[in-house]
Amino acid sequence: MALVETLGNIEMFSELSSRELKKVASFMTPVNIKAGRDLTVQGQPGREFMIIAEGNATVRRNGRVIARRGPGEFFGEHAVDAGVPRTATVTADTDMVVEALNRREFSSLLAESHAGLPPALVATAEFDPLRDEGEAYAAALEAAGVPVSLQRYEGMPHVFFQLSPVVDAGKDLLDRCSAALRDALG
C-alpha cells in the first residue's frame, strides 16, 4: 500500500485531502531497523510516529505481549500529537523499514504559515540523515520573512551536539544556542 494511502487510513490523518496527505508523506523519513532493536521503550519520551513499511514487531506493555504489528500498521501517534511518554515497548522481530515522522516535523505541518514566527537558529550536521530537512525548514522560514541563522557543521554526525563536552563543534553550537536564547530573552 502506498504511503499516502496508508496515511489516509489512519484516524488522525483521515480528514486530510490528497494534497495534504502528500505533504505529510513528504515529511516522513524511511529508517532501516535491525531485528531485536527496540523502536520505542515504555515510559520513555516519545518523539516519533512510525508506520511499518516492511517487517514485523512485537508490542509489550509491562513486559507482556499485547500485540504484533506488520506492514501498513503504525504506532507512536500520541508522541507527535500530545508528546506523552511511550505507553509500550515495540521491538523489531525482523529487519524492518519504518516511515518516521518526528514531533518537530509534525508541528511544522500544523502551521498555516511560518510568517510571524520568532527568529530561528537552525543547525545541521553534514552526516545527519535529517540535514536536508533542517536546511529546507530554514529556507521555508526565510521565505516567510523569519530571521534565520543557518549553520551546517561539516564533518559532523547527527549526535555531535550531545558531544559538546568533547567535540569543539558541539561546544560551538552550545555557545550559539546560549547566545540566541540570551538575545531572545533580552
Protein backbone atom coordinates (compact mmCIF):
# COMPACT_ATOMS: atom_id res chain seq x y z
CA MET A 1 0.00 0.00 0.00
CA ALA A 2 1.37 3.44 -0.89
CA LEU A 3 2.39 5.70 2.00
CA VAL A 4 -0.21 8.35 1.12
CA GLU A 5 -2.98 5.73 1.10
CA THR A 6 -1.75 4.29 4.42
CA LEU A 7 -1.77 7.76 5.98
CA GLY A 8 -5.33 8.34 4.75
CA ASN A 9 -6.46 5.21 6.60
CA ILE A 10 -5.10 6.46 9.94
CA GLU A 11 -7.68 8.29 12.02
CA MET A 12 -5.56 11.34 12.84
CA PHE A 13 -4.97 11.93 9.10
CA SER A 14 -8.27 10.62 7.69
CA GLU A 15 -9.83 14.05 7.14
CA LEU A 16 -6.91 15.38 5.09
CA SER A 17 -7.12 16.00 1.35
CA SER A 18 -4.88 14.10 -1.06
CA ARG A 19 -2.65 17.17 -1.34
CA GLU A 20 -2.35 17.42 2.44
CA LEU A 21 -1.60 13.69 2.76
CA LYS A 22 1.17 14.07 0.18
CA LYS A 23 2.62 16.91 2.23
CA VAL A 24 2.61 14.76 5.39
CA ALA A 25 4.23 11.91 3.44
CA SER A 26 6.96 14.27 2.23
CA PHE A 27 8.00 14.87 5.85
CA MET A 28 8.32 11.16 6.63
CA THR A 29 11.74 9.53 6.61
CA PRO A 30 12.41 5.85 5.85
CA VAL A 31 14.51 4.25 8.58
CA ASN A 32 16.11 0.77 8.48
CA ILE A 33 15.82 -1.14 11.76
CA LYS A 34 17.71 -4.33 12.66
CA ALA A 35 15.88 -7.29 14.21
CA GLY A 36 15.95 -7.22 18.01
CA ARG A 37 16.12 -3.42 18.31
CA ASP A 38 13.60 -1.54 20.44
CA LEU A 39 11.85 1.11 18.38
CA THR A 40 10.13 2.52 21.48
CA VAL A 41 10.59 1.90 25.20
CA GLN A 42 7.66 2.10 27.61
CA GLY A 43 7.84 5.18 29.84
CA GLN A 44 10.48 6.95 27.73
CA PRO A 45 9.71 10.25 25.98
CA GLY A 46 8.11 9.77 22.60
CA ARG A 47 9.25 11.83 19.63
CA GLU A 48 8.32 9.83 16.52
CA PHE A 49 5.25 8.41 14.85
CA MET A 50 6.11 5.34 12.76
CA ILE A 51 4.42 3.34 10.01
CA ILE A 52 5.81 -0.11 9.30
CA ALA A 53 6.72 -0.40 5.62
CA GLU A 54 8.48 -3.78 5.88
CA GLY A 55 8.97 -6.34 8.65
CA ASN A 56 7.25 -7.22 11.89
CA ALA A 57 7.35 -6.05 15.51
CA THR A 58 6.05 -7.10 18.91
CA VAL A 59 4.35 -4.64 21.27
CA ARG A 60 4.81 -5.19 25.01
CA ARG A 61 3.30 -3.38 27.98
CA ASN A 62 4.79 -4.10 31.39
CA GLY A 63 6.72 -6.97 29.80
CA ARG A 64 3.62 -8.74 28.43
CA VAL A 65 2.95 -9.13 24.71
CA ILE A 66 -0.17 -7.14 23.83
CA ALA A 67 0.07 -7.03 20.03
CA ARG A 68 2.07 -7.80 16.93
CA ARG A 69 2.43 -5.25 14.14
CA GLY A 70 3.29 -5.60 10.45
CA PRO A 71 3.36 -3.65 7.18
CA GLY A 72 0.82 -0.83 7.00
CA GLU A 73 0.37 -0.71 10.76
CA PHE A 74 1.59 2.18 12.91
CA PHE A 75 2.47 3.29 16.42
CA GLY A 76 3.58 6.42 18.23
CA GLU A 77 0.79 8.73 17.14
CA HIS A 78 0.47 10.18 20.65
CA ALA A 79 4.18 11.01 20.66
CA VAL A 80 3.71 13.56 17.90
CA ASP A 81 0.33 15.00 18.80
CA ALA A 82 0.49 15.08 22.60
CA GLY A 83 4.15 14.46 23.45
CA VAL A 84 3.27 11.82 26.06
CA PRO A 85 5.68 9.10 27.23
CA ARG A 86 5.60 5.80 25.36
CA THR A 87 2.85 3.51 26.61
CA ALA A 88 4.52 0.34 25.35
CA THR A 89 7.81 -1.11 24.14
CA VAL A 90 7.90 -2.02 20.43
CA THR A 91 10.67 -4.43 19.38
CA ALA A 92 11.61 -5.40 15.82
CA ASP A 93 11.10 -9.14 15.32
CA THR A 94 12.68 -8.97 11.86
CA ASP A 95 14.77 -6.43 9.99
CA MET A 96 12.35 -3.60 9.27
CA VAL A 97 11.83 -0.42 7.33
CA VAL A 98 9.64 2.17 9.04
CA GLU A 99 8.48 5.57 7.81
CA ALA A 100 9.07 8.01 10.68
CA LEU A 101 7.63 11.45 11.38
CA ASN A 102 9.14 13.30 14.33
CA ARG A 103 7.33 15.73 16.57
CA ARG A 104 9.13 18.82 15.23
CA GLU A 105 8.22 17.96 11.64
CA PHE A 106 4.64 17.22 12.67
CA SER A 107 4.41 20.60 14.44
CA SER A 108 5.64 22.40 11.35
CA LEU A 109 2.83 20.77 9.37
CA LEU A 110 0.28 22.36 11.69
CA ALA A 111 1.43 25.87 10.92
CA GLU A 112 -0.61 27.54 8.20
CA SER A 113 2.32 29.84 7.57
CA HIS A 114 5.75 30.41 9.03
CA ALA A 115 5.26 34.19 8.81
CA GLY A 116 5.47 35.92 12.15
CA LEU A 117 7.48 33.24 13.87
CA PRO A 118 10.35 34.40 16.08
CA PRO A 119 13.94 34.40 14.84
CA ALA A 120 15.40 30.91 14.49
CA LEU A 121 18.79 29.28 14.83
CA VAL A 122 18.93 26.15 12.65
CA ALA A 123 21.98 23.90 12.93
CA THR A 124 22.60 20.86 10.76
CA ALA A 125 25.37 18.29 10.58
CA GLU A 126 26.99 17.15 7.35
CA PHE A 127 26.37 13.46 8.13
CA ASP A 128 22.90 13.82 9.61
CA PRO A 129 20.08 11.93 7.86
CA LEU A 130 17.85 14.93 8.63
CA ARG A 131 20.28 17.58 7.31
CA ASP A 132 18.31 18.30 4.14
CA GLU A 133 15.03 18.61 6.05
CA GLY A 134 16.60 21.04 8.53
CA GLU A 135 18.02 23.18 5.76
CA ALA A 136 14.71 23.10 3.87
CA TYR A 137 12.95 24.25 7.05
CA ALA A 138 15.42 27.14 7.38
CA ALA A 139 14.74 28.10 3.75
CA ALA A 140 10.96 27.99 4.36
CA LEU A 141 11.33 30.22 7.41
CA GLU A 142 13.49 32.66 5.47
CA ALA A 143 11.00 32.70 2.58
CA ALA A 144 8.28 33.64 5.09
CA GLY A 145 10.36 36.58 6.30
CA VAL A 146 11.57 34.97 9.53
CA PRO A 147 15.13 35.93 10.51
CA VAL A 148 17.16 32.70 10.32
CA SER A 149 20.72 31.85 11.21
CA LEU A 150 21.63 28.57 9.48
CA GLN A 151 24.87 26.79 10.31
CA ARG A 152 25.93 23.47 8.79
CA TYR A 153 28.67 21.73 10.77
CA GLU A 154 30.88 20.00 8.21
CA GLY A 155 32.25 16.58 9.08
CA MET A 156 29.83 16.14 11.99
CA PRO A 157 27.32 13.32 12.63
CA HIS A 158 23.76 13.72 13.94
CA VAL A 159 24.78 13.41 17.62
CA PHE A 160 27.59 15.99 17.65
CA PHE A 161 25.63 18.46 19.81
CA GLN A 162 25.34 15.86 22.57
CA LEU A 163 29.12 15.50 22.48
CA SER A 164 29.72 19.18 23.27
CA PRO A 165 31.94 18.38 26.28
CA VAL A 166 34.49 16.70 23.95
CA VAL A 167 33.73 17.94 20.41
CA ASP A 168 34.59 21.54 19.52
CA ALA A 169 31.73 21.83 17.02
CA GLY A 170 29.26 20.71 19.71
CA LYS A 171 30.67 23.32 22.10
CA ASP A 172 30.38 25.98 19.38
CA LEU A 173 26.73 25.10 18.79
CA LEU A 174 26.01 25.12 22.53
CA ASP A 175 27.55 28.62 22.72
CA ARG A 176 25.48 29.77 19.70
CA CYS A 177 22.27 28.37 21.24
CA SER A 178 23.01 30.11 24.55
CA ALA A 179 23.70 33.41 22.77
CA ALA A 180 20.50 33.11 20.70
CA LEU A 181 18.47 32.41 23.82
CA ARG A 182 20.04 35.38 25.64
CA ASP A 183 19.22 37.61 22.64
CA ALA A 184 15.63 36.37 22.54
CA LEU A 185 15.12 36.96 26.25
CA GLY A 186 16.61 40.45 26.01
